[in-house]
Protein backbone atom coordinates (compact mmCIF):
# COMPACT_ATOMS: atom_id res chain seq x y z
CA MET A 1 28.08 15.50 -52.06
CA TYR A 2 27.45 18.85 -49.79
CA PRO A 3 29.33 21.44 -52.15
CA LEU A 4 30.95 22.74 -49.15
CA LEU A 5 32.58 19.35 -48.85
CA ASP A 6 33.56 18.85 -52.10
CA HIS A 7 37.56 20.02 -51.83
CA ASP A 8 38.96 18.01 -55.01
CA ASP A 9 41.34 20.54 -55.78
CA PHE A 10 43.15 23.85 -53.95
CA ALA A 11 40.89 26.67 -54.87
CA LYS A 12 37.49 24.30 -53.32
CA THR A 13 39.24 23.48 -50.37
CA ARG A 14 39.82 27.86 -50.24
CA LYS A 15 36.11 28.62 -51.00
CA ALA A 16 34.91 26.03 -48.33
CA LEU A 17 37.58 27.11 -45.42
CA VAL A 18 36.37 31.14 -46.64
CA ALA A 19 32.50 29.86 -46.57
CA THR A 20 32.92 28.44 -42.99
CA ALA A 21 35.10 31.15 -41.44
CA ALA A 22 32.51 33.52 -42.63
CA PHE A 23 29.42 31.69 -41.48
CA LEU A 24 31.19 31.25 -37.94
CA LEU A 25 31.59 35.20 -37.86
CA LEU A 26 27.74 35.64 -38.93
CA ILE A 27 26.96 33.56 -36.25
CA ASN A 28 28.61 34.93 -33.85
CA HIS A 29 27.15 37.99 -34.39
CA LEU A 30 24.24 37.36 -34.38
CA GLN A 31 22.01 38.28 -30.94
CA ILE A 32 19.64 35.22 -30.54
CA VAL A 33 16.28 36.43 -29.17
CA GLY A 34 14.30 33.44 -27.35
CA GLU A 35 15.59 29.82 -27.06
CA SER A 36 14.09 27.48 -29.30
CA ILE A 37 12.25 27.55 -33.24
CA THR A 38 9.38 25.61 -34.43
CA ILE A 39 9.58 24.17 -38.17
CA LEU A 40 6.66 22.02 -39.34
CA GLY A 41 5.40 21.37 -35.28
CA LEU A 42 9.09 20.29 -34.27
CA ASN A 43 10.48 22.55 -31.67
CA LEU A 44 14.57 22.73 -31.87
CA LYS A 45 15.99 24.65 -28.62
CA ILE A 46 18.74 26.93 -30.15
CA ASN A 47 22.22 26.85 -28.81
CA LYS A 48 25.23 29.88 -30.00
CA SER A 49 28.09 28.02 -28.21
CA THR A 50 26.73 24.36 -29.64
CA ILE A 51 26.57 26.03 -33.03
CA ASN A 52 29.59 28.08 -32.70
CA GLY A 53 31.73 24.64 -31.55
CA PHE A 54 30.30 22.75 -34.73
CA GLY A 55 31.56 25.24 -36.75
CA SER A 56 34.97 25.65 -35.44
CA LEU A 57 34.90 21.50 -35.90
CA PHE A 58 34.75 22.47 -39.78
CA LEU A 59 36.83 25.57 -39.58
CA LEU A 60 39.66 23.04 -38.23
CA TYR A 61 38.85 20.34 -41.02
CA PHE A 62 39.37 22.79 -43.69
CA ILE A 63 41.87 24.10 -41.83
CA TYR A 64 43.56 20.82 -42.36
CA VAL A 65 42.41 20.51 -45.70
CA PHE A 66 43.32 23.95 -46.95
CA ILE A 67 47.05 22.72 -45.84
CA VAL A 68 48.02 19.77 -47.48
CA ARG A 69 46.46 21.16 -50.52
CA ALA A 70 48.68 23.80 -50.20
CA ILE A 71 51.77 21.87 -49.68
CA GLU A 72 50.31 19.51 -52.76
CA LYS A 73 49.77 22.78 -54.68
CA ASN A 74 53.64 23.25 -54.09
CA LEU A 75 54.98 20.25 -54.41
CA SER A 76 53.51 19.06 -57.88
CA SER A 77 54.14 22.34 -59.83
CA LYS A 78 57.65 22.29 -58.44
CA LEU A 79 57.74 18.15 -59.63
CA ASP A 80 55.98 19.47 -63.26
CA VAL A 81 58.99 22.34 -63.45
CA ILE A 82 61.89 19.62 -62.62
CA HIS A 83 59.57 17.00 -65.25
CA GLN A 84 60.00 20.25 -67.91
CA ASP A 85 63.02 21.35 -67.36
CA ILE A 86 64.38 16.98 -68.05
CA ASP A 87 62.35 17.08 -70.94
CA LEU A 88 63.74 19.91 -72.49
CA PHE A 89 67.61 19.32 -71.63
CA MET A 90 66.60 15.61 -73.17
CA LYS A 91 65.70 17.38 -75.99
CA GLU A 92 68.96 19.52 -76.68
CA PHE A 93 70.95 16.61 -75.63
CA ARG A 94 69.23 14.45 -78.36
CA GLY A 95 69.92 17.03 -81.08
CA ARG A 96 73.52 16.58 -80.89
CA PRO A 97 75.75 14.31 -82.94
CA SER A 98 75.79 10.92 -81.36
CA GLU A 99 78.57 9.32 -82.85
CA GLY A 100 82.39 8.98 -81.41
CA PRO A 101 83.17 8.42 -78.25
CA VAL A 102 80.42 10.74 -76.82
CA SER A 103 77.54 8.44 -77.46
CA GLU A 104 78.30 5.98 -74.92
CA ASN A 105 78.23 9.31 -72.30
CA LYS A 106 74.62 9.61 -74.15
CA ILE A 107 73.58 6.67 -74.20
CA TYR A 108 74.44 6.14 -70.44
CA PHE A 109 72.95 10.21 -69.71
CA GLU A 110 69.39 9.81 -71.44
CA THR A 111 69.29 6.22 -69.15
CA ARG A 112 69.86 8.42 -65.83
CA VAL A 113 67.45 10.69 -67.12
CA ALA A 114 64.86 8.50 -67.91
CA GLU A 115 65.56 6.56 -64.28
CA LEU A 116 64.83 10.93 -63.02
CA ILE A 117 61.94 11.04 -65.08
CA SER A 118 60.65 7.61 -63.49
CA ASP A 119 61.42 8.76 -59.84
CA LEU A 120 59.56 12.20 -60.74
CA LYS A 121 56.09 10.14 -61.26
CA ASP A 122 57.37 7.60 -58.80
CA THR A 123 57.19 10.91 -56.67
CA GLY A 124 54.11 12.75 -57.83
CA LYS A 125 51.88 9.36 -56.98
CA THR A 126 53.43 8.97 -53.71
CA LEU A 127 51.99 12.68 -53.10
CA SER A 128 49.06 12.01 -54.41
CA ARG A 129 48.50 9.00 -51.93
CA PHE A 130 49.17 10.77 -49.17
CA VAL A 131 46.63 13.90 -49.80
CA VAL A 132 43.99 10.62 -50.62
CA LEU A 133 44.53 8.80 -47.09
CA GLY A 134 45.36 12.45 -45.73
CA VAL A 135 42.21 14.49 -47.42
CA GLU A 136 39.80 11.88 -48.44
CA VAL A 137 39.88 8.90 -46.24
CA ILE A 138 41.56 9.30 -42.30
CA PRO A 139 39.46 12.67 -41.49
CA PRO A 140 36.13 11.29 -42.27
CA LEU A 141 37.49 8.45 -40.44
CA LEU A 142 38.37 9.76 -37.52
CA LEU A 143 34.89 11.60 -37.77
CA ALA A 144 32.86 8.49 -37.85
CA LEU A 145 34.74 6.77 -35.21
CA TYR A 146 34.37 9.54 -32.63
CA ALA A 147 30.62 9.93 -33.64
CA ALA A 148 30.24 6.49 -33.39
CA TYR A 149 31.56 6.43 -29.90
CA VAL A 150 29.82 10.07 -28.72
CA VAL A 151 26.60 8.56 -29.57
CA GLY A 152 27.23 4.84 -28.05
CA ALA A 153 26.86 3.88 -31.64
CA PRO A 154 27.88 -0.22 -29.96
CA ALA A 155 25.84 0.02 -27.17
CA ALA A 156 22.80 0.88 -29.70
CA LEU A 157 23.35 -1.44 -32.28
CA SER A 158 23.44 -4.25 -30.34
CA SER A 159 20.05 -3.35 -28.16
CA PHE A 160 18.84 -3.22 -31.44
CA LEU A 161 20.33 -6.38 -32.73
CA LYS A 162 18.76 -8.52 -29.89
CA ASN A 163 15.72 -7.21 -30.97
CA VAL A 164 15.28 -7.76 -34.65
């Protein structure tokens, strides 16, 4: 995958956002002389506003991904701290004597804490699913659908299939 689009963690997302913003600032401050460039005999017209618009699309995407990853990082760290606190509390509680009238309360307490840990794990899984859908699935799918609409893919495909 293209390194700038690799955003599977918070640090990579931050780097992609900064690189895209820096690229847009660079393009914005460039003075383009002439209207076209020739590469291997192919003449390409340069339009600064199109480059800025396309770069802005990536910038918006990376801002969105950055926000989602920041939320994920914050919530994940909070869930980890809560999980560690519960584990520590359970270790301390297990060290107490289990005989006598406290025994029934201890069993209830351990069962309840085990349920809370299970809920924390489920919350973590839900958060992961949200991030995968919100970052990995929905934005690329929306971009692909928009691109298909803009280029007239259904009509082009229909025309192509008729000629095959």
